[in-house]
Amino acid sequence: MANVGLLYVGAVLFINGLMLIGVIPGRSAAILNFFVGGMQVVFPTLILLQGAGNPAVVFGAFGLYLFGFTYLYVGIIQWTGVSGEGLGWFSLFVVIVAVVVGILQFVAVGDPVFGAIWLVWAVLWFMFFLLLALGRSDIQKATGWFTIFVSFLTGTIPALFILSGYFQTDALLGGVVAALGVLALIVALILGRNRSSADADSVRVGDATR
């Protein structure tokens, strides 16, 4: 059940990334956020009810609420136009939890791939914190591109491997995921900076023609 949800985490992150770089209007992106956010609240609730308090089940399910609440919050913001500072500060909370879960995936669960994935998610949510809570609008494009890359790296691709029965985890694969996450961040920052420079040049050209 959680693995199906991971596939749609990839989908909604892709849509949100396109929204952040200006390809999709906010209200249009809000709809999928409502769908996936609802899924990521219902699924872990069902898992917990069926798990009968098993600590391993609880550990595997509680993190899904972080995503569910985030996507529902995004949907509400885009649909109503309310301020995003609250989501920004919630994102900082997600960062802290994601770092802890990532470390536990390495040292307690023995899953280096998802350890790396959780740390990549921590970086992504930290960018959301900077963008929304601290008003760093200069990183919006970079955050959008990183969200797009992360949607495939941490959502769609691992979900497809898990659902098809080909998922494996070891230190080497965890290192590959971490390296790809760093590469994705570097490329996103470059793309975001280039786009920001192009936008600034357009503004200057527009000012000169007035």
C-alpha atoms as a PDB file:
ATOM      1  CA  MET A   1       0.000   0.000   0.000  1.00  0.00           C
ATOM      2  CA  ALA A   2       2.769   2.433   0.955  1.00  0.00           C
ATOM      3  CA  ASN A   3       4.685   1.506  -2.192  1.00  0.00           C
ATOM      4  CA  VAL A   4       1.728   2.476  -4.371  1.00  0.00           C
ATOM      5  CA  GLY A   5       1.647   5.777  -2.523  1.00  0.00           C
ATOM      6  CA  LEU A   6       5.358   6.290  -3.273  1.00  0.00           C
ATOM      7  CA  LEU A   7       4.623   6.132  -6.995  1.00  0.00           C
ATOM      8  CA  TYR A   8       2.148   8.973  -6.663  1.00  0.00           C
ATOM      9  CA  VAL A   9       4.565  10.926  -4.480  1.00  0.00           C
ATOM     10  CA  GLY A  10       6.707  10.989  -7.609  1.00  0.00           C
ATOM     11  CA  ALA A  11       3.745  12.216  -9.639  1.00  0.00           C
ATOM     12  CA  VAL A  12       2.791  15.062  -7.310  1.00  0.00           C
ATOM     13  CA  LEU A  13       6.396  16.192  -6.824  1.00  0.00           C
ATOM     14  CA  PHE A  14       6.736  16.342 -10.610  1.00  0.00           C
ATOM     15  CA  ILE A  15       3.610  18.482 -10.873  1.00  0.00           C
ATOM     16  CA  ASN A  16       4.715  20.743  -8.017  1.00  0.00           C
ATOM     17  CA  GLY A  17       8.115  21.181  -9.614  1.00  0.00           C
ATOM     18  CA  LEU A  18       6.479  22.248 -12.871  1.00  0.00           C
ATOM     19  CA  MET A  19       4.343  24.672 -10.875  1.00  0.00           C
ATOM     20  CA  LEU A  20       7.403  26.217  -9.219  1.00  0.00           C
ATOM     21  CA  ILE A  21       9.158  26.818 -12.540  1.00  0.00           C
ATOM     22  CA  GLY A  22       6.021  28.411 -13.966  1.00  0.00           C
ATOM     23  CA  VAL A  23       4.779  25.703 -16.322  1.00  0.00           C
ATOM     24  CA  ILE A  24       1.556  24.819 -14.447  1.00  0.00           C
ATOM     25  CA  PRO A  25      -0.797  27.289 -12.693  1.00  0.00           C
ATOM     26  CA  GLY A  26      -1.130  26.847  -8.943  1.00  0.00           C
ATOM     27  CA  ARG A  27      -4.846  26.011  -8.913  1.00  0.00           C
ATOM     28  CA  SER A  28      -4.305  23.364 -11.577  1.00  0.00           C
ATOM     29  CA  ALA A  29      -1.534  21.742  -9.513  1.00  0.00           C
ATOM     30  CA  ALA A  30      -3.680  21.911  -6.367  1.00  0.00           C
ATOM     31  CA  ILE A  31      -6.034  19.176  -7.566  1.00  0.00           C
ATOM     32  CA  LEU A  32      -3.409  16.424  -7.663  1.00  0.00           C
ATOM     33  CA  ASN A  33      -2.069  17.636  -4.313  1.00  0.00           C
ATOM     34  CA  PHE A  34      -5.513  17.043  -2.816  1.00  0.00           C
ATOM     35  CA  PHE A  35      -5.713  13.551  -4.345  1.00  0.00           C
ATOM     36  CA  VAL A  36      -2.230  12.419  -3.302  1.00  0.00           C
ATOM     37  CA  GLY A  37      -2.362  14.231   0.029  1.00  0.00           C
ATOM     38  CA  GLY A  38      -5.586  12.429   0.873  1.00  0.00           C
ATOM     39  CA  MET A  39      -4.051   9.128  -0.194  1.00  0.00           C
ATOM     40  CA  GLN A  40      -0.998   9.733   1.991  1.00  0.00           C
ATOM     41  CA  VAL A  41      -3.236  10.270   5.009  1.00  0.00           C
ATOM     42  CA  VAL A  42      -5.655   7.391   4.385  1.00  0.00           C
ATOM     43  CA  PHE A  43      -3.007   4.775   3.508  1.00  0.00           C
ATOM     44  CA  PRO A  44      -0.868   5.112   6.662  1.00  0.00           C
ATOM     45  CA  THR A  45      -4.010   5.197   8.792  1.00  0.00           C
ATOM     46  CA  LEU A  46      -5.117   1.860   7.316  1.00  0.00           C
ATOM     47  CA  ILE A  47      -1.600   0.460   7.748  1.00  0.00           C
ATOM     48  CA  LEU A  48      -1.514   1.486  11.405  1.00  0.00           C
ATOM     49  CA  LEU A  49      -4.957   0.020  12.058  1.00  0.00           C
ATOM     50  CA  GLN A  50      -3.880  -3.294  10.538  1.00  0.00           C
ATOM     51  CA  GLY A  51      -0.466  -3.254  12.227  1.00  0.00           C
ATOM     52  CA  ALA A  52      -1.852  -3.656  15.751  1.00  0.00           C
ATOM     53  CA  GLY A  53       0.826  -1.451  17.280  1.00  0.00           C
ATOM     54  CA  ASN A  54       3.781  -3.295  15.747  1.00  0.00           C
ATOM     55  CA  PRO A  55       6.753  -0.876  16.126  1.00  0.00           C
ATOM     56  CA  ALA A  56       8.150  -1.774  12.701  1.00  0.00           C
ATOM     57  CA  VAL A  57       4.784  -1.057  11.081  1.00  0.00           C
ATOM     58  CA  VAL A  58       4.459   2.234  12.946  1.00  0.00           C
ATOM     59  CA  PHE A  59       7.967   3.275  11.884  1.00  0.00           C
ATOM     60  CA  GLY A  60       7.230   2.410   8.274  1.00  0.00           C
ATOM     61  CA  ALA A  61       3.931   4.294   8.208  1.00  0.00           C
ATOM     62  CA  PHE A  62       4.304   7.464  10.268  1.00  0.00           C
ATOM     63  CA  GLY A  63       6.499   9.230   7.724  1.00  0.00           C
ATOM     64  CA  LEU A  64       3.743   9.056   5.131  1.00  0.00           C
ATOM     65  CA  TYR A  65       1.759  11.615   7.114  1.00  0.00           C
ATOM     66  CA  LEU A  66       4.566  14.142   6.575  1.00  0.00           C
ATOM     67  CA  PHE A  67       3.956  13.899   2.852  1.00  0.00           C
ATOM     68  CA  GLY A  68       0.180  13.790   3.142  1.00  0.00           C
ATOM     69  CA  PHE A  69      -0.016  16.932   5.260  1.00  0.00           C
ATOM     70  CA  THR A  70       2.488  18.713   3.009  1.00  0.00           C
ATOM     71  CA  TYR A  71       0.510  18.017  -0.156  1.00  0.00           C
ATOM     72  CA  LEU A  72      -2.824  18.900   1.414  1.00  0.00           C
ATOM     73  CA  TYR A  73      -1.261  22.133   2.675  1.00  0.00           C
ATOM     74  CA  VAL A  74       0.103  22.909  -0.804  1.00  0.00           C
ATOM     75  CA  GLY A  75      -3.306  22.234  -2.314  1.00  0.00           C
ATOM     76  CA  ILE A  76      -5.042  24.559   0.145  1.00  0.00           C
ATOM     77  CA  ILE A  77      -2.481  27.317  -0.424  1.00  0.00           C
ATOM     78  CA  GLN A  78      -2.767  27.128  -4.198  1.00  0.00           C
ATOM     79  CA  TRP A  79      -6.557  26.901  -4.138  1.00  0.00           C
ATOM     80  CA  THR A  80      -7.226  29.657  -1.615  1.00  0.00           C
ATOM     81  CA  GLY A  81      -4.215  31.920  -2.016  1.00  0.00           C
ATOM     82  CA  VAL A  82      -3.407  31.940   1.713  1.00  0.00           C
ATOM     83  CA  SER A  83       0.149  32.678   2.841  1.00  0.00           C
ATOM     84  CA  GLY A  84       2.682  29.864   2.644  1.00  0.00           C
ATOM     85  CA  GLU A  85       4.756  30.735   5.729  1.00  0.00           C
ATOM     86  CA  GLY A  86       3.047  28.069   7.828  1.00  0.00           C
ATOM     87  CA  LEU A  87       3.935  25.399   5.288  1.00  0.00           C
ATOM     88  CA  GLY A  88       7.474  26.732   5.243  1.00  0.00           C
ATOM     89  CA  TRP A  89       7.916  26.265   8.979  1.00  0.00           C
ATOM     90  CA  PHE A  90       6.211  22.868   8.838  1.00  0.00           C
ATOM     91  CA  SER A  91       8.799  21.986   6.187  1.00  0.00           C
ATOM     92  CA  LEU A  92      11.558  22.689   8.714  1.00  0.00           C
ATOM     93  CA  PHE A  93       9.900  20.181  11.061  1.00  0.00           C
ATOM     94  CA  VAL A  94       9.849  17.683   8.183  1.00  0.00           C
ATOM     95  CA  VAL A  95      13.567  18.297   7.591  1.00  0.00           C
ATOM     96  CA  ILE A  96      14.413  17.407  11.189  1.00  0.00           C
ATOM     97  CA  VAL A  97      12.304  14.241  11.129  1.00  0.00           C
ATOM     98  CA  ALA A  98      13.615  13.223   7.691  1.00  0.00           C
ATOM     99  CA  VAL A  99      17.235  13.485   8.834  1.00  0.00           C
ATOM    100  CA  VAL A 100      16.498  11.296  11.866  1.00  0.00           C
ATOM    101  CA  VAL A 101      14.606   8.737   9.777  1.00  0.00           C
ATOM    102  CA  GLY A 102      17.382   8.729   7.181  1.00  0.00           C
ATOM    103  CA  ILE A 103      19.995   7.979   9.829  1.00  0.00           C
ATOM    104  CA  LEU A 104      17.817   5.237  11.314  1.00  0.00           C
ATOM    105  CA  GLN A 105      17.412   3.686   7.869  1.00  0.00           C
ATOM    106  CA  PHE A 106      21.199   3.336   7.749  1.00  0.00           C
ATOM    107  CA  VAL A 107      21.946   2.200  11.301  1.00  0.00           C
ATOM    108  CA  ALA A 108      18.780   0.417  12.465  1.00  0.00           C
ATOM    109  CA  VAL A 109      16.827  -0.751   9.422  1.00  0.00           C
ATOM    110  CA  GLY A 110      19.826  -1.568   7.240  1.00  0.00           C
ATOM    111  CA  ASP A 111      18.388   0.091   4.129  1.00  0.00           C
ATOM    112  CA  PRO A 112      21.040   2.436   2.671  1.00  0.00           C
ATOM    113  CA  VAL A 113      18.934   3.269  -0.387  1.00  0.00           C
ATOM    114  CA  PHE A 114      16.035   4.647   1.623  1.00  0.00           C
ATOM    115  CA  GLY A 115      18.498   6.190   4.040  1.00  0.00           C
ATOM    116  CA  ALA A 116      19.843   8.228   1.135  1.00  0.00           C
ATOM    117  CA  ILE A 117      16.329   8.901  -0.167  1.00  0.00           C
ATOM    118  CA  TRP A 118      15.211  10.329   3.182  1.00  0.00           C
ATOM    119  CA  LEU A 119      18.264  12.591   3.290  1.00  0.00           C
ATOM    120  CA  VAL A 120      17.513  13.820  -0.234  1.00  0.00           C
ATOM    121  CA  TRP A 121      13.966  14.553   0.916  1.00  0.00           C
ATOM    122  CA  ALA A 122      15.428  16.493   3.855  1.00  0.00           C
ATOM    123  CA  VAL A 123      17.343  18.711   1.427  1.00  0.00           C
ATOM    124  CA  LEU A 124      14.227  19.255  -0.687  1.00  0.00           C
ATOM    125  CA  TRP A 125      12.070  20.223   2.287  1.00  0.00           C
ATOM    126  CA  PHE A 126      14.844  22.528   3.526  1.00  0.00           C
ATOM    127  CA  MET A 127      14.595  24.353   0.211  1.00  0.00           C
ATOM    128  CA  PHE A 128      10.828  24.621   0.772  1.00  0.00           C
ATOM    129  CA  PHE A 129      11.604  26.107   4.192  1.00  0.00           C
ATOM    130  CA  LEU A 130      13.942  28.696   2.686  1.00  0.00           C
ATOM    131  CA  LEU A 131      11.478  29.531  -0.076  1.00  0.00           C
ATOM    132  CA  LEU A 132       8.273  29.735   1.947  1.00  0.00           C
ATOM    133  CA  ALA A 133       9.242  30.559   5.532  1.00  0.00           C
ATOM    134  CA  LEU A 134      12.175  32.878   4.861  1.00  0.00           C
ATOM    135  CA  GLY A 135      10.877  34.332   1.607  1.00  0.00           C
ATOM    136  CA  ARG A 136      13.867  33.300  -0.512  1.00  0.00           C
ATOM    137  CA  SER A 137      12.059  33.783  -3.811  1.00  0.00           C
ATOM    138  CA  ASP A 138      15.430  33.801  -5.581  1.00  0.00           C
ATOM    139  CA  ILE A 139      15.607  30.008  -5.213  1.00  0.00           C
ATOM    140  CA  GLN A 140      12.088  29.281  -6.499  1.00  0.00           C
ATOM    141  CA  LYS A 141      13.230  28.096  -9.931  1.00  0.00           C
ATOM    142  CA  ALA A 142      16.064  26.031  -8.471  1.00  0.00           C
ATOM    143  CA  THR A 143      13.648  24.489  -5.978  1.00  0.00           C
ATOM    144  CA  GLY A 144      11.285  23.663  -8.821  1.00  0.00           C
ATOM    145  CA  TRP A 145      13.964  21.940 -10.865  1.00  0.00           C
ATOM    146  CA  PHE A 146      15.237  20.010  -7.842  1.00  0.00           C
ATOM    147  CA  THR A 147      11.672  18.925  -7.074  1.00  0.00           C
ATOM    148  CA  ILE A 148      11.315  17.596 -10.619  1.00  0.00           C
ATOM    149  CA  PHE A 149      14.574  15.638 -10.405  1.00  0.00           C
ATOM    150  CA  VAL A 150      13.751  14.306  -6.942  1.00  0.00           C
ATOM    151  CA  SER A 151      10.304  13.185  -8.095  1.00  0.00           C
ATOM    152  CA  PHE A 152      11.936  10.530 -10.258  1.00  0.00           C
ATOM    153  CA  LEU A 153      14.990   9.771  -8.097  1.00  0.00           C
ATOM    154  CA  THR A 154      13.110   9.221  -4.824  1.00  0.00           C
ATOM    155  CA  GLY A 155       9.556   8.488  -5.926  1.00  0.00           C
ATOM    156  CA  THR A 156       8.791   7.111  -9.361  1.00  0.00           C
ATOM    157  CA  ILE A 157      11.909   5.018  -9.992  1.00  0.00           C
ATOM    158  CA  PRO A 158      12.198   3.261  -6.596  1.00  0.00           C
ATOM    159  CA  ALA A 159       8.424   2.697  -6.538  1.00  0.00           C
ATOM    160  CA  LEU A 160       8.537   0.972  -9.915  1.00  0.00           C
ATOM    161  CA  PHE A 161      11.432  -1.221  -8.777  1.00  0.00           C
ATOM    162  CA  ILE A 162       9.576  -2.152  -5.581  1.00  0.00           C
ATOM    163  CA  LEU A 163       6.258  -2.838  -7.303  1.00  0.00           C
ATOM    164  CA  SER A 164       7.949  -4.990  -9.963  1.00  0.00           C
ATOM    165  CA  GLY A 165       9.888  -6.973  -7.350  1.00  0.00           C
ATOM    166  CA  TYR A 166      13.339  -5.839  -8.485  1.00  0.00           C
ATOM    167  CA  PHE A 167      14.200  -3.471  -5.646  1.00  0.00           C
ATOM    168  CA  GLN A 168      17.547  -4.031  -3.940  1.00  0.00           C
ATOM    169  CA  THR A 169      19.420  -2.082  -1.303  1.00  0.00           C
ATOM    170  CA  ASP A 170      23.078  -2.008  -0.303  1.00  0.00           C
ATOM    171  CA  ALA A 171      25.768   0.526   0.509  1.00  0.00           C
ATOM    172  CA  LEU A 172      26.791   0.939  -3.132  1.00  0.00           C
ATOM    173  CA  LEU A 173      23.257   1.660  -4.328  1.00  0.00           C
ATOM    174  CA  GLY A 174      22.738   4.017  -1.401  1.00  0.00           C
ATOM    175  CA  GLY A 175      25.882   5.867  -2.447  1.00  0.00           C
ATOM    176  CA  VAL A 176      24.601   6.083  -6.013  1.00  0.00           C
ATOM    177  CA  VAL A 177      21.317   7.605  -4.838  1.00  0.00           C
ATOM    178  CA  ALA A 178      23.183  10.103  -2.655  1.00  0.00           C
ATOM    179  CA  ALA A 179      25.529  11.044  -5.505  1.00  0.00           C
ATOM    180  CA  LEU A 180      22.621  11.493  -7.907  1.00  0.00           C
ATOM    181  CA  GLY A 181      20.897  13.651  -5.298  1.00  0.00           C
ATOM    182  CA  VAL A 182      23.948  15.913  -5.050  1.00  0.00           C
ATOM    183  CA  LEU A 183      24.195  16.077  -8.850  1.00  0.00           C
ATOM    184  CA  ALA A 184      20.491  16.913  -9.104  1.00  0.00           C
ATOM    185  CA  LEU A 185      20.926  19.748  -6.602  1.00  0.00           C
ATOM    186  CA  ILE A 186      23.900  21.193  -8.492  1.00  0.00           C
ATOM    187  CA  VAL A 187      22.095  21.056 -11.840  1.00  0.00           C
ATOM    188  CA  ALA A 188      18.944  22.560 -10.292  1.00  0.00           C
ATOM    189  CA  LEU A 189      20.927  25.459  -8.819  1.00  0.00           C
ATOM    190  CA  ILE A 190      22.563  26.097 -12.198  1.00  0.00           C
ATOM    191  CA  LEU A 191      19.247  25.975 -14.054  1.00  0.00           C
ATOM    192  CA  GLY A 192      17.608  28.177 -11.437  1.00  0.00           C
ATOM    193  CA  ARG A 193      20.401  30.733 -11.601  1.00  0.00           C
ATOM    194  CA  ASN A 194      20.382  30.817 -15.399  1.00  0.00           C
ATOM    195  CA  ARG A 195      16.615  31.270 -15.475  1.00  0.00           C
ATOM    196  CA  SER A 196      16.799  34.027 -12.848  1.00  0.00           C
ATOM    197  CA  SER A 197      19.473  35.818 -14.870  1.00  0.00           C
ATOM    198  CA  ALA A 198      17.356  35.537 -18.013  1.00  0.00           C
ATOM    199  CA  ASP A 199      14.320  36.931 -16.175  1.00  0.00           C
ATOM    200  CA  ALA A 200      16.395  39.820 -14.829  1.00  0.00           C
ATOM    201  CA  ASP A 201      17.699  40.591 -18.323  1.00  0.00           C
ATOM    202  CA  SER A 202      14.125  40.590 -19.647  1.00  0.00           C
ATOM    203  CA  VAL A 203      13.099  43.073 -16.972  1.00  0.00           C
ATOM    204  CA  ARG A 204      16.017  45.352 -17.819  1.00  0.00           C
ATOM    205  CA  VAL A 205      15.199  45.188 -21.531  1.00  0.00           C
ATOM    206  CA  GLY A 206      11.567  45.971 -20.760  1.00  0.00           C
ATOM    207  CA  ASP A 207      12.563  48.939 -18.633  1.00  0.00           C
ATOM    208  CA  ALA A 208      14.813  50.265 -21.388  1.00  0.00           C
ATOM    209  CA  THR A 209      11.997  50.275 -23.940  1.00  0.00           C
ATOM    210  CA  ARG A 210       9.586  52.287 -21.800  1.00  0.00           C
END
